[in-house]
N, C-alpha and C. Protein backbone atom coordinates (compact mmCIF):
# COMPACT_ATOMS: atom_id res chain seq x y z
N MET A 1 165.20 107.85 120.89
CA MET A 1 164.55 108.84 120.05
C MET A 1 163.73 109.78 120.94
N HIS A 2 163.99 111.04 120.84
CA HIS A 2 163.37 112.05 121.69
C HIS A 2 162.37 112.85 120.86
N ARG A 3 161.07 112.78 121.18
CA ARG A 3 160.03 113.44 120.39
C ARG A 3 159.44 114.66 121.11
N GLY A 4 159.97 115.07 122.20
CA GLY A 4 159.41 116.18 122.97
C GLY A 4 159.26 117.47 122.18
N PRO A 5 160.34 117.98 121.55
CA PRO A 5 160.21 119.26 120.83
C PRO A 5 159.26 119.15 119.62
N LEU A 6 159.23 118.00 118.96
CA LEU A 6 158.35 117.82 117.80
C LEU A 6 156.88 117.89 118.22
N ILE A 7 156.54 117.20 119.29
CA ILE A 7 155.16 117.19 119.77
C ILE A 7 154.77 118.57 120.29
N THR A 8 155.68 119.24 120.98
CA THR A 8 155.39 120.59 121.48
C THR A 8 155.16 121.56 120.33
N GLY A 9 155.98 121.46 119.29
CA GLY A 9 155.80 122.32 118.12
C GLY A 9 154.50 122.05 117.39
N LEU A 10 154.14 120.76 117.31
CA LEU A 10 152.89 120.38 116.66
C LEU A 10 151.69 120.87 117.45
N LYS A 11 151.76 120.78 118.77
CA LYS A 11 150.67 121.28 119.61
C LYS A 11 150.51 122.79 119.44
N GLY A 12 151.63 123.50 119.36
CA GLY A 12 151.57 124.95 119.16
C GLY A 12 150.95 125.32 117.82
N LEU A 13 151.29 124.55 116.78
CA LEU A 13 150.73 124.80 115.46
C LEU A 13 149.22 124.54 115.45
N VAL A 14 148.79 123.45 116.05
CA VAL A 14 147.36 123.13 116.13
C VAL A 14 146.63 124.21 116.91
N LEU A 15 147.20 124.65 118.02
CA LEU A 15 146.58 125.70 118.82
C LEU A 15 146.46 127.00 118.03
N ALA A 16 147.49 127.36 117.27
CA ALA A 16 147.44 128.58 116.47
C ALA A 16 146.37 128.49 115.39
N VAL A 17 146.24 127.34 114.74
CA VAL A 17 145.22 127.16 113.69
C VAL A 17 143.83 127.25 114.30
N LEU A 18 143.60 126.63 115.44
CA LEU A 18 142.30 126.68 116.09
C LEU A 18 141.94 128.10 116.53
N LEU A 19 142.89 128.82 117.09
CA LEU A 19 142.63 130.20 117.50
C LEU A 19 142.34 131.10 116.30
N LEU A 20 143.06 130.89 115.20
CA LEU A 20 142.80 131.67 114.00
C LEU A 20 141.41 131.34 113.45
N GLY A 21 141.02 130.09 113.48
CA GLY A 21 139.68 129.71 113.03
C GLY A 21 138.59 130.35 113.86
N GLN A 22 138.79 130.40 115.17
CA GLN A 22 137.82 131.07 116.04
C GLN A 22 137.74 132.56 115.75
N ALA A 23 138.88 133.18 115.59
CA ALA A 23 138.90 134.62 115.34
C ALA A 23 138.21 134.95 114.02
N LEU A 24 138.41 134.14 113.01
CA LEU A 24 137.76 134.40 111.72
C LEU A 24 136.28 134.12 111.77
N SER A 25 135.84 133.16 112.55
CA SER A 25 134.41 132.86 112.61
C SER A 25 133.65 133.88 113.45
N TRP A 26 134.30 134.61 114.29
CA TRP A 26 133.64 135.62 115.11
C TRP A 26 133.31 136.88 114.32
N THR A 27 133.86 137.05 113.14
CA THR A 27 133.64 138.27 112.38
C THR A 27 132.20 138.41 111.91
N GLY A 28 131.46 137.31 111.80
CA GLY A 28 130.08 137.37 111.35
C GLY A 28 129.07 137.51 112.47
N CYS A 29 129.51 137.66 113.69
CA CYS A 29 128.60 137.71 114.83
C CYS A 29 128.20 139.15 115.14
N ASP A 30 127.32 139.69 114.32
CA ASP A 30 126.88 141.06 114.56
C ASP A 30 125.41 141.11 114.94
N GLY A 31 124.85 140.01 115.37
CA GLY A 31 123.45 139.97 115.76
C GLY A 31 122.67 138.99 114.90
N ALA A 32 121.62 138.47 115.45
CA ALA A 32 120.83 137.49 114.73
C ALA A 32 119.87 138.19 113.78
N PRO A 33 119.77 137.72 112.53
CA PRO A 33 118.78 138.29 111.63
C PRO A 33 117.38 137.92 112.10
N SER A 34 116.52 138.91 112.22
CA SER A 34 115.18 138.64 112.70
C SER A 34 114.19 139.50 111.92
N LEU A 35 112.93 139.14 112.02
CA LEU A 35 111.88 139.89 111.38
C LEU A 35 110.75 140.09 112.37
N THR A 36 109.97 141.14 112.15
CA THR A 36 108.88 141.47 113.06
C THR A 36 107.57 140.93 112.50
N ILE A 37 106.91 140.09 113.27
CA ILE A 37 105.59 139.56 112.91
C ILE A 37 104.66 139.87 114.06
N ALA A 38 103.65 140.70 113.80
CA ALA A 38 102.66 141.09 114.80
C ALA A 38 103.31 141.68 116.05
N GLY A 39 104.36 142.45 115.86
CA GLY A 39 105.00 143.13 116.96
C GLY A 39 106.03 142.32 117.72
N ALA A 40 106.21 141.05 117.37
CA ALA A 40 107.20 140.20 118.04
C ALA A 40 108.33 139.88 117.07
N TYR A 41 109.54 139.73 117.61
CA TYR A 41 110.69 139.41 116.77
C TYR A 41 110.85 137.89 116.67
N PHE A 42 110.98 137.41 115.44
CA PHE A 42 111.20 136.00 115.18
C PHE A 42 112.51 135.85 114.44
N PRO A 43 113.28 134.83 114.77
CA PRO A 43 114.54 134.62 114.04
C PRO A 43 114.25 134.19 112.60
N ALA A 44 115.12 134.61 111.70
CA ALA A 44 114.92 134.32 110.28
C ALA A 44 115.01 132.82 110.00
N TRP A 45 115.83 132.09 110.77
CA TRP A 45 115.96 130.66 110.51
C TRP A 45 114.64 129.94 110.79
N LEU A 46 113.84 130.48 111.71
CA LEU A 46 112.57 129.85 112.02
C LEU A 46 111.62 129.94 110.83
N LEU A 47 111.58 131.08 110.18
CA LEU A 47 110.75 131.22 108.99
C LEU A 47 111.25 130.30 107.87
N CYS A 48 112.56 130.20 107.70
CA CYS A 48 113.11 129.30 106.69
C CYS A 48 112.76 127.85 107.00
N ALA A 49 112.76 127.47 108.27
CA ALA A 49 112.41 126.10 108.65
C ALA A 49 110.94 125.81 108.38
N VAL A 50 110.07 126.77 108.67
CA VAL A 50 108.64 126.59 108.40
C VAL A 50 108.40 126.45 106.91
N ILE A 51 109.06 127.27 106.11
CA ILE A 51 108.92 127.18 104.66
C ILE A 51 109.45 125.84 104.16
N ALA A 52 110.54 125.34 104.74
CA ALA A 52 111.08 124.04 104.34
C ALA A 52 110.08 122.92 104.61
N VAL A 53 109.41 122.96 105.74
CA VAL A 53 108.41 121.94 106.05
C VAL A 53 107.24 122.03 105.07
N LEU A 54 106.80 123.24 104.78
CA LEU A 54 105.69 123.41 103.83
C LEU A 54 106.06 122.92 102.43
N VAL A 55 107.29 123.19 102.00
CA VAL A 55 107.74 122.71 100.69
C VAL A 55 107.84 121.19 100.68
N ALA A 56 108.32 120.60 101.75
CA ALA A 56 108.40 119.13 101.83
C ALA A 56 107.01 118.51 101.74
N VAL A 57 106.04 119.10 102.42
CA VAL A 57 104.66 118.60 102.35
C VAL A 57 104.11 118.78 100.93
N LEU A 58 104.39 119.90 100.30
CA LEU A 58 103.94 120.14 98.94
C LEU A 58 104.54 119.13 97.97
N ILE A 59 105.81 118.82 98.13
CA ILE A 59 106.45 117.82 97.27
C ILE A 59 105.79 116.46 97.46
N ARG A 60 105.49 116.11 98.69
CA ARG A 60 104.82 114.83 98.96
C ARG A 60 103.43 114.79 98.31
N VAL A 61 102.70 115.88 98.44
CA VAL A 61 101.35 115.94 97.83
C VAL A 61 101.45 115.80 96.31
N LEU A 62 102.42 116.49 95.70
CA LEU A 62 102.61 116.39 94.26
C LEU A 62 103.03 114.99 93.83
N MET A 63 103.87 114.33 94.63
CA MET A 63 104.29 112.96 94.30
C MET A 63 103.11 112.00 94.33
N VAL A 64 102.24 112.15 95.31
CA VAL A 64 101.07 111.28 95.41
C VAL A 64 100.07 111.59 94.30
N ALA A 65 99.86 112.88 94.02
CA ALA A 65 98.89 113.29 93.02
C ALA A 65 99.29 112.85 91.61
N THR A 66 100.57 112.87 91.31
CA THR A 66 101.03 112.50 89.97
C THR A 66 101.34 111.02 89.83
N GLY A 67 101.32 110.28 90.92
CA GLY A 67 101.63 108.85 90.87
C GLY A 67 103.11 108.53 90.98
N LEU A 68 103.93 109.53 91.17
CA LEU A 68 105.38 109.29 91.32
C LEU A 68 105.70 108.55 92.61
N ALA A 69 104.79 108.61 93.58
CA ALA A 69 105.03 107.95 94.86
C ALA A 69 105.15 106.44 94.70
N ASN A 70 104.61 105.91 93.62
CA ASN A 70 104.70 104.46 93.38
C ASN A 70 106.06 104.06 92.83
N PHE A 71 106.84 105.01 92.32
CA PHE A 71 108.09 104.69 91.65
C PHE A 71 109.33 105.21 92.36
N ILE A 72 109.20 106.21 93.20
CA ILE A 72 110.36 106.84 93.84
C ILE A 72 110.62 106.19 95.20
N PRO A 73 111.80 105.60 95.37
CA PRO A 73 112.14 105.05 96.69
C PRO A 73 112.64 106.17 97.61
N TYR A 74 112.66 105.89 98.90
CA TYR A 74 113.16 106.85 99.91
C TYR A 74 112.44 108.20 99.79
N GLN A 75 111.14 108.16 99.81
CA GLN A 75 110.35 109.37 99.61
C GLN A 75 110.55 110.40 100.72
N LEU A 76 110.76 109.94 101.94
CA LEU A 76 111.01 110.87 103.04
C LEU A 76 112.29 111.67 102.78
N ALA A 77 113.32 110.99 102.31
CA ALA A 77 114.58 111.68 102.02
C ALA A 77 114.42 112.66 100.86
N VAL A 78 113.64 112.28 99.86
CA VAL A 78 113.41 113.16 98.71
C VAL A 78 112.66 114.42 99.14
N CYS A 79 111.60 114.24 99.92
CA CYS A 79 110.80 115.39 100.37
C CYS A 79 111.62 116.31 101.28
N CYS A 80 112.34 115.72 102.21
CA CYS A 80 113.17 116.53 103.12
C CYS A 80 114.28 117.26 102.37
N SER A 81 114.88 116.61 101.40
CA SER A 81 115.93 117.25 100.61
C SER A 81 115.40 118.44 99.84
N GLY A 82 114.22 118.29 99.25
CA GLY A 82 113.61 119.42 98.54
C GLY A 82 113.35 120.59 99.47
N GLY A 83 112.83 120.31 100.67
CA GLY A 83 112.59 121.37 101.64
C GLY A 83 113.87 122.04 102.08
N ILE A 84 114.91 121.26 102.32
CA ILE A 84 116.19 121.82 102.76
C ILE A 84 116.81 122.68 101.66
N ILE A 85 116.70 122.24 100.42
CA ILE A 85 117.25 123.02 99.31
C ILE A 85 116.55 124.38 99.21
N VAL A 86 115.23 124.36 99.27
CA VAL A 86 114.48 125.62 99.19
C VAL A 86 114.82 126.53 100.37
N ALA A 87 114.89 125.97 101.58
CA ALA A 87 115.22 126.78 102.75
C ALA A 87 116.64 127.35 102.66
N SER A 88 117.57 126.57 102.16
CA SER A 88 118.95 127.06 102.03
C SER A 88 119.06 128.18 101.01
N VAL A 89 118.36 128.04 99.89
CA VAL A 89 118.39 129.09 98.87
C VAL A 89 117.72 130.36 99.42
N LEU A 90 116.60 130.20 100.09
CA LEU A 90 115.92 131.34 100.70
C LEU A 90 116.83 132.02 101.72
N TRP A 91 117.48 131.26 102.59
CA TRP A 91 118.38 131.81 103.59
C TRP A 91 119.54 132.55 102.92
N HIS A 92 120.09 131.96 101.87
CA HIS A 92 121.23 132.58 101.19
C HIS A 92 120.86 133.94 100.59
N PHE A 93 119.72 134.01 99.92
CA PHE A 93 119.36 135.27 99.28
C PHE A 93 118.76 136.29 100.24
N TRP A 94 118.18 135.81 101.34
CA TRP A 94 117.54 136.73 102.27
C TRP A 94 118.53 137.26 103.31
N VAL A 95 119.30 136.36 103.91
CA VAL A 95 120.18 136.74 105.02
C VAL A 95 121.63 136.85 104.59
N GLY A 96 122.04 136.08 103.59
CA GLY A 96 123.44 136.06 103.18
C GLY A 96 123.95 137.43 102.80
N HIS A 97 125.19 137.69 103.18
CA HIS A 97 125.76 139.03 102.92
C HIS A 97 126.71 138.95 101.77
């Protein structure tokens, strides 16, 4: 049983798919979104990350203040998930095209 042409054809197909994926992903590379704070440029993802941390801390404070911290397991995961959700929504509406 000779598999040479089959493997060569499969390698060519995989190579073509990978090259097409790279070419399509390069279309969004027109520069990093940034904002000016006090005359310096900061990347937009940094502001989204800071807001995510602040939201996670706020969720933790609210959980402790309302007593939910006694009933909710995996509180770190809950707080981080809330922060990530808020940061993702902010990123989508602010930077998304």
